[in-house]
Amino acid sequence: MAQGRKGKLNYRCPRCMMREIDMDMLYDSQNDEYYCLRCSFTGNEAEVKRLNQQFREKYLDRLKRMTEF
């Protein structure tokens, strides 16, 4: 997906990413928050980073082959 042209570098929407949809968030400089056009998620930079980190922790071992259970 193309990078939005409204402000600084955008993050991926954590709510859409949990549903396996790759959607960029746009930055609103007036409210100092990020928003998603697809799912209406809004949040500041710290909240977006926190939710993206949760996503990374959830799928941390997805590339490792599990041989013992």
PDB file of N, CA and C in Angstrom:
ATOM      1  N   MET A   1       0.840  -1.177   0.000  1.00  0.00           N
ATOM      2  CA  MET A   1       0.000   0.000   0.000  1.00  0.00           C
ATOM      3  C   MET A   1       0.881   1.236   0.000  1.00  0.00           C
ATOM      4  N   ALA A   2       0.464   2.255  -0.670  1.00  0.00           N
ATOM      5  CA  ALA A   2       1.251   3.476  -0.777  1.00  0.00           C
ATOM      6  C   ALA A   2       1.267   4.240   0.541  1.00  0.00           C
ATOM      7  N   GLN A   3       2.384   4.880   0.785  1.00  0.00           N
ATOM      8  CA  GLN A   3       2.532   5.703   1.989  1.00  0.00           C
ATOM      9  C   GLN A   3       1.667   6.956   1.851  1.00  0.00           C
ATOM     10  N   GLY A   4       0.922   7.293   2.892  1.00  0.00           N
ATOM     11  CA  GLY A   4       0.124   8.510   2.865  1.00  0.00           C
ATOM     12  C   GLY A   4       1.004   9.745   2.804  1.00  0.00           C
ATOM     13  N   ARG A   5       0.498  10.818   2.323  1.00  0.00           N
ATOM     14  CA  ARG A   5       1.298  12.030   2.159  1.00  0.00           C
ATOM     15  C   ARG A   5       0.935  13.108   3.169  1.00  0.00           C
ATOM     16  N   LYS A   6       0.289  12.743   4.240  1.00  0.00           N
ATOM     17  CA  LYS A   6      -0.147  13.734   5.219  1.00  0.00           C
ATOM     18  C   LYS A   6       0.676  13.599   6.487  1.00  0.00           C
ATOM     19  N   GLY A   7       1.866  14.194   6.504  1.00  0.00           N
ATOM     20  CA  GLY A   7       2.659  14.175   7.725  1.00  0.00           C
ATOM     21  C   GLY A   7       3.818  13.203   7.683  1.00  0.00           C
ATOM     22  N   LYS A   8       4.239  12.773   8.877  1.00  0.00           N
ATOM     23  CA  LYS A   8       5.430  11.943   9.007  1.00  0.00           C
ATOM     24  C   LYS A   8       5.146  10.481   8.677  1.00  0.00           C
ATOM     25  N   LEU A   9       6.166   9.652   8.881  1.00  0.00           N
ATOM     26  CA  LEU A   9       6.076   8.235   8.557  1.00  0.00           C
ATOM     27  C   LEU A   9       4.913   7.581   9.293  1.00  0.00           C
ATOM     28  N   ASN A  10       4.176   6.764   8.582  1.00  0.00           N
ATOM     29  CA  ASN A  10       2.992   6.129   9.147  1.00  0.00           C
ATOM     30  C   ASN A  10       3.301   4.747   9.694  1.00  0.00           C
ATOM     31  N   TYR A  11       2.470   4.315  10.603  1.00  0.00           N
ATOM     32  CA  TYR A  11       2.547   2.976  11.169  1.00  0.00           C
ATOM     33  C   TYR A  11       1.463   2.117  10.538  1.00  0.00           C
ATOM     34  N   ARG A  12       1.571   0.808  10.733  1.00  0.00           N
ATOM     35  CA  ARG A  12       0.507  -0.101  10.324  1.00  0.00           C
ATOM     36  C   ARG A  12      -0.583  -0.065  11.386  1.00  0.00           C
ATOM     37  N   CYS A  13      -1.822  -0.180  10.948  1.00  0.00           N
ATOM     38  CA  CYS A  13      -2.947  -0.179  11.889  1.00  0.00           C
ATOM     39  C   CYS A  13      -2.941  -1.489  12.677  1.00  0.00           C
ATOM     40  N   PRO A  14      -2.847  -1.428  14.008  1.00  0.00           N
ATOM     41  CA  PRO A  14      -2.789  -2.668  14.794  1.00  0.00           C
ATOM     42  C   PRO A  14      -4.089  -3.463  14.757  1.00  0.00           C
ATOM     43  N   ARG A  15      -5.208  -2.796  14.701  1.00  0.00           N
ATOM     44  CA  ARG A  15      -6.489  -3.493  14.673  1.00  0.00           C
ATOM     45  C   ARG A  15      -6.675  -4.242  13.352  1.00  0.00           C
ATOM     46  N   CYS A  16      -6.292  -3.604  12.250  1.00  0.00           N
ATOM     47  CA  CYS A  16      -6.372  -4.274  10.947  1.00  0.00           C
ATOM     48  C   CYS A  16      -5.335  -5.393  10.850  1.00  0.00           C
ATOM     49  N   MET A  17      -4.156  -5.169  11.413  1.00  0.00           N
ATOM     50  CA  MET A  17      -3.099  -6.168  11.350  1.00  0.00           C
ATOM     51  C   MET A  17      -3.502  -7.436  12.095  1.00  0.00           C
ATOM     52  N   MET A  18      -4.268  -7.308  13.180  1.00  0.00           N
ATOM     53  CA  MET A  18      -4.749  -8.480  13.903  1.00  0.00           C
ATOM     54  C   MET A  18      -5.692  -9.308  13.027  1.00  0.00           C
ATOM     55  N   ARG A  19      -6.316  -8.657  12.057  1.00  0.00           N
ATOM     56  CA  ARG A  19      -7.201  -9.350  11.122  1.00  0.00           C
ATOM     57  C   ARG A  19      -6.498  -9.673   9.806  1.00  0.00           C
ATOM     58  N   GLU A  20      -5.151  -9.583   9.820  1.00  0.00           N
ATOM     59  CA  GLU A  20      -4.307  -9.893   8.669  1.00  0.00           C
ATOM     60  C   GLU A  20      -4.604  -9.001   7.469  1.00  0.00           C
ATOM     61  N   ILE A  21      -4.859  -7.724   7.738  1.00  0.00           N
ATOM     62  CA  ILE A  21      -5.040  -6.718   6.696  1.00  0.00           C
ATOM     63  C   ILE A  21      -3.925  -5.699   6.859  1.00  0.00           C
ATOM     64  N   ASP A  22      -3.185  -5.462   5.793  1.00  0.00           N
ATOM     65  CA  ASP A  22      -2.050  -4.543   5.843  1.00  0.00           C
ATOM     66  C   ASP A  22      -2.531  -3.148   5.450  1.00  0.00           C
ATOM     67  N   MET A  23      -2.741  -2.306   6.452  1.00  0.00           N
ATOM     68  CA  MET A  23      -3.292  -0.972   6.213  1.00  0.00           C
ATOM     69  C   MET A  23      -2.446   0.068   6.936  1.00  0.00           C
ATOM     70  N   ASP A  24      -2.020   1.097   6.218  1.00  0.00           N
ATOM     71  CA  ASP A  24      -1.266   2.192   6.828  1.00  0.00           C
ATOM     72  C   ASP A  24      -2.195   3.113   7.600  1.00  0.00           C
ATOM     73  N   MET A  25      -1.653   3.697   8.661  1.00  0.00           N
ATOM     74  CA  MET A  25      -2.392   4.713   9.405  1.00  0.00           C
ATOM     75  C   MET A  25      -1.909   6.080   8.948  1.00  0.00           C
ATOM     76  N   LEU A  26      -2.776   7.038   8.979  1.00  0.00           N
ATOM     77  CA  LEU A  26      -2.427   8.409   8.625  1.00  0.00           C
ATOM     78  C   LEU A  26      -2.270   9.226   9.900  1.00  0.00           C
ATOM     79  N   TYR A  27      -1.480  10.278   9.819  1.00  0.00           N
ATOM     80  CA  TYR A  27      -1.196  11.114  10.988  1.00  0.00           C
ATOM     81  C   TYR A  27      -1.975  12.414  10.888  1.00  0.00           C
ATOM     82  N   ASP A  28      -2.678  12.752  11.954  1.00  0.00           N
ATOM     83  CA  ASP A  28      -3.411  14.009  12.043  1.00  0.00           C
ATOM     84  C   ASP A  28      -2.633  14.933  12.972  1.00  0.00           C
ATOM     85  N   SER A  29      -2.004  15.950  12.406  1.00  0.00           N
ATOM     86  CA  SER A  29      -1.152  16.832  13.207  1.00  0.00           C
ATOM     87  C   SER A  29      -1.961  17.757  14.122  1.00  0.00           C
ATOM     88  N   GLN A  30      -3.198  18.045  13.785  1.00  0.00           N
ATOM     89  CA  GLN A  30      -4.020  18.907  14.639  1.00  0.00           C
ATOM     90  C   GLN A  30      -4.342  18.225  15.971  1.00  0.00           C
ATOM     91  N   ASN A  31      -4.679  16.943  15.917  1.00  0.00           N
ATOM     92  CA  ASN A  31      -5.022  16.199  17.135  1.00  0.00           C
ATOM     93  C   ASN A  31      -3.847  15.399  17.682  1.00  0.00           C
ATOM     94  N   ASP A  32      -2.719  15.401  16.981  1.00  0.00           N
ATOM     95  CA  ASP A  32      -1.519  14.653  17.363  1.00  0.00           C
ATOM     96  C   ASP A  32      -1.846  13.182  17.593  1.00  0.00           C
ATOM     97  N   GLU A  33      -2.524  12.562  16.613  1.00  0.00           N
ATOM     98  CA  GLU A  33      -2.869  11.154  16.709  1.00  0.00           C
ATOM     99  C   GLU A  33      -2.880  10.518  15.325  1.00  0.00           C
ATOM    100  N   TYR A  34      -2.823   9.206  15.325  1.00  0.00           N
ATOM    101  CA  TYR A  34      -2.878   8.428  14.094  1.00  0.00           C
ATOM    102  C   TYR A  34      -4.287   7.873  13.935  1.00  0.00           C
ATOM    103  N   TYR A  35      -4.708   7.681  12.672  1.00  0.00           N
ATOM    104  CA  TYR A  35      -6.030   7.117  12.431  1.00  0.00           C
ATOM    105  C   TYR A  35      -5.992   6.207  11.214  1.00  0.00           C
ATOM    106  N   CYS A  36      -6.900   5.250  11.194  1.00  0.00           N
ATOM    107  CA  CYS A  36      -7.010   4.286  10.104  1.00  0.00           C
ATOM    108  C   CYS A  36      -8.271   4.604   9.309  1.00  0.00           C
ATOM    109  N   LEU A  37      -8.135   4.647   8.002  1.00  0.00           N
ATOM    110  CA  LEU A  37      -9.287   4.936   7.156  1.00  0.00           C
ATOM    111  C   LEU A  37     -10.230   3.741   7.036  1.00  0.00           C
ATOM    112  N   ARG A  38      -9.719   2.541   7.241  1.00  0.00           N
ATOM    113  CA  ARG A  38     -10.530   1.350   7.035  1.00  0.00           C
ATOM    114  C   ARG A  38     -11.392   1.005   8.247  1.00  0.00           C
ATOM    115  N   CYS A  39     -10.788   1.005   9.435  1.00  0.00           N
ATOM    116  CA  CYS A  39     -11.523   0.523  10.618  1.00  0.00           C
ATOM    117  C   CYS A  39     -11.827   1.620  11.637  1.00  0.00           C
ATOM    118  N   SER A  40     -11.461   2.855  11.378  1.00  0.00           N
ATOM    119  CA  SER A  40     -11.735   4.002  12.249  1.00  0.00           C
ATOM    120  C   SER A  40     -10.965   3.973  13.564  1.00  0.00           C
ATOM    121  N   PHE A  41      -9.889   3.219  13.647  1.00  0.00           N
ATOM    122  CA  PHE A  41      -9.065   3.203  14.854  1.00  0.00           C
ATOM    123  C   PHE A  41      -8.293   4.511  14.953  1.00  0.00           C
ATOM    124  N   THR A  42      -8.260   5.102  16.142  1.00  0.00           N
ATOM    125  CA  THR A  42      -7.453   6.295  16.387  1.00  0.00           C
ATOM    126  C   THR A  42      -6.652   6.086  17.662  1.00  0.00           C
ATOM    127  N   GLY A  43      -5.452   6.650  17.684  1.00  0.00           N
ATOM    128  CA  GLY A  43      -4.630   6.546  18.877  1.00  0.00           C
ATOM    129  C   GLY A  43      -3.349   7.335  18.731  1.00  0.00           C
ATOM    130  N   ASN A  44      -2.762   7.671  19.858  1.00  0.00           N
ATOM    131  CA  ASN A  44      -1.497   8.403  19.809  1.00  0.00           C
ATOM    132  C   ASN A  44      -0.361   7.432  19.474  1.00  0.00           C
ATOM    133  N   GLU A  45       0.838   7.980  19.302  1.00  0.00           N
ATOM    134  CA  GLU A  45       1.971   7.167  18.862  1.00  0.00           C
ATOM    135  C   GLU A  45       2.323   6.070  19.867  1.00  0.00           C
ATOM    136  N   ALA A  46       2.244   6.377  21.143  1.00  0.00           N
ATOM    137  CA  ALA A  46       2.575   5.388  22.174  1.00  0.00           C
ATOM    138  C   ALA A  46       1.604   4.208  22.149  1.00  0.00           C
ATOM    139  N   GLU A  47       0.324   4.486  21.969  1.00  0.00           N
ATOM    140  CA  GLU A  47      -0.671   3.414  21.932  1.00  0.00           C
ATOM    141  C   GLU A  47      -0.497   2.532  20.700  1.00  0.00           C
ATOM    142  N   VAL A  48      -0.213   3.152  19.561  1.00  0.00           N
ATOM    143  CA  VAL A  48       0.000   2.388  18.330  1.00  0.00           C
ATOM    144  C   VAL A  48       1.233   1.496  18.463  1.00  0.00           C
ATOM    145  N   LYS A  49       2.309   2.034  19.026  1.00  0.00           N
ATOM    146  CA  LYS A  49       3.521   1.235  19.230  1.00  0.00           C
ATOM    147  C   LYS A  49       3.270   0.087  20.202  1.00  0.00           C
ATOM    148  N   ARG A  50       2.490   0.338  21.259  1.00  0.00           N
ATOM    149  CA  ARG A  50       2.192  -0.706  22.243  1.00  0.00           C
ATOM    150  C   ARG A  50       1.398  -1.849  21.611  1.00  0.00           C
ATOM    151  N   LEU A  51       0.386  -1.514  20.818  1.00  0.00           N
ATOM    152  CA  LEU A  51      -0.428  -2.548  20.184  1.00  0.00           C
ATOM    153  C   LEU A  51       0.354  -3.305  19.113  1.00  0.00           C
ATOM    154  N   ASN A  52       1.231  -2.612  18.383  1.00  0.00           N
ATOM    155  CA  ASN A  52       2.063  -3.294  17.396  1.00  0.00           C
ATOM    156  C   ASN A  52       3.058  -4.229  18.077  1.00  0.00           C
ATOM    157  N   GLN A  53       3.555  -3.846  19.251  1.00  0.00           N
ATOM    158  CA  GLN A  53       4.459  -4.719  20.002  1.00  0.00           C
ATOM    159  C   GLN A  53       3.722  -5.962  20.492  1.00  0.00           C
ATOM    160  N   GLN A  54       2.467  -5.821  20.906  1.00  0.00           N
ATOM    161  CA  GLN A  54       1.667  -6.980  21.300  1.00  0.00           C
ATOM    162  C   GLN A  54       1.512  -7.945  20.131  1.00  0.00           C
ATOM    163  N   PHE A  55       1.307  -7.408  18.944  1.00  0.00           N
ATOM    164  CA  PHE A  55       1.173  -8.241  17.750  1.00  0.00           C
ATOM    165  C   PHE A  55       2.467  -9.007  17.489  1.00  0.00           C
ATOM    166  N   ARG A  56       3.609  -8.334  17.627  1.00  0.00           N
ATOM    167  CA  ARG A  56       4.906  -8.990  17.408  1.00  0.00           C
ATOM    168  C   ARG A  56       5.135 -10.113  18.422  1.00  0.00           C
ATOM    169  N   GLU A  57       4.768  -9.882  19.681  1.00  0.00           N
ATOM    170  CA  GLU A  57       4.948 -10.910  20.709  1.00  0.00           C
ATOM    171  C   GLU A  57       4.046 -12.114  20.456  1.00  0.00           C
ATOM    172  N   LYS A  58       2.859 -11.869  19.942  1.00  0.00           N
ATOM    173  CA  LYS A  58       1.918 -12.950  19.677  1.00  0.00           C
ATOM    174  C   LYS A  58       2.452 -13.892  18.599  1.00  0.00           C
ATOM    175  N   TYR A  59       3.103 -13.341  17.584  1.00  0.00           N
ATOM    176  CA  TYR A  59       3.594 -14.133  16.461  1.00  0.00           C
ATOM    177  C   TYR A  59       5.115 -14.234  16.455  1.00  0.00           C
ATOM    178  N   LEU A  60       5.730 -14.212  17.623  1.00  0.00           N
ATOM    179  CA  LEU A  60       7.182 -14.233  17.736  1.00  0.00           C
ATOM    180  C   LEU A  60       7.795 -15.509  17.170  1.00  0.00           C
ATOM    181  N   ASP A  61       7.200 -16.661  17.444  1.00  0.00           N
ATOM    182  CA  ASP A  61       7.771 -17.948  17.040  1.00  0.00           C
ATOM    183  C   ASP A  61       7.143 -18.520  15.771  1.00  0.00           C
ATOM    184  N   ARG A  62       6.551 -17.728  14.951  1.00  0.00           N
ATOM    185  CA  ARG A  62       5.855 -18.283  13.793  1.00  0.00           C
ATOM    186  C   ARG A  62       6.799 -18.830  12.729  1.00  0.00           C
ATOM    187  N   LEU A  63       8.062 -18.413  12.721  1.00  0.00           N
ATOM    188  CA  LEU A  63       9.009 -18.929  11.741  1.00  0.00           C
ATOM    189  C   LEU A  63       9.847 -20.087  12.278  1.00  0.00           C
ATOM    190  N   LYS A  64       9.649 -20.464  13.534  1.00  0.00           N
ATOM    191  CA  LYS A  64      10.396 -21.574  14.124  1.00  0.00           C
ATOM    192  C   LYS A  64       9.620 -22.878  13.953  1.00  0.00           C
ATOM    193  N   ARG A  65      10.349 -23.937  13.663  1.00  0.00           N
ATOM    194  CA  ARG A  65       9.720 -25.242  13.530  1.00  0.00           C
ATOM    195  C   ARG A  65       9.619 -25.892  14.907  1.00  0.00           C
ATOM    196  N   MET A  66       8.418 -26.236  15.311  1.00  0.00           N
ATOM    197  CA  MET A  66       8.192 -26.868  16.604  1.00  0.00           C
ATOM    198  C   MET A  66       8.254 -28.383  16.437  1.00  0.00           C
ATOM    199  N   THR A  67       9.178 -29.019  17.137  1.00  0.00           N
ATOM    200  CA  THR A  67       9.311 -30.476  17.043  1.00  0.00           C
ATOM    201  C   THR A  67       8.863 -31.177  18.316  1.00  0.00           C
ATOM    202  N   GLU A  68       8.858 -30.465  19.440  1.00  0.00           N
ATOM    203  CA  GLU A  68       8.432 -31.060  20.704  1.00  0.00           C
ATOM    204  C   GLU A  68       7.269 -30.255  21.274  1.00  0.00           C
ATOM    205  N   PHE A  69       6.290 -30.981  21.790  1.00  0.00           N
ATOM    206  CA  PHE A  69       5.128 -30.321  22.368  1.00  0.00           C
ATOM    207  C   PHE A  69       4.988 -30.654  23.825  1.00  0.00           C
TER     208      PHE A  69
END
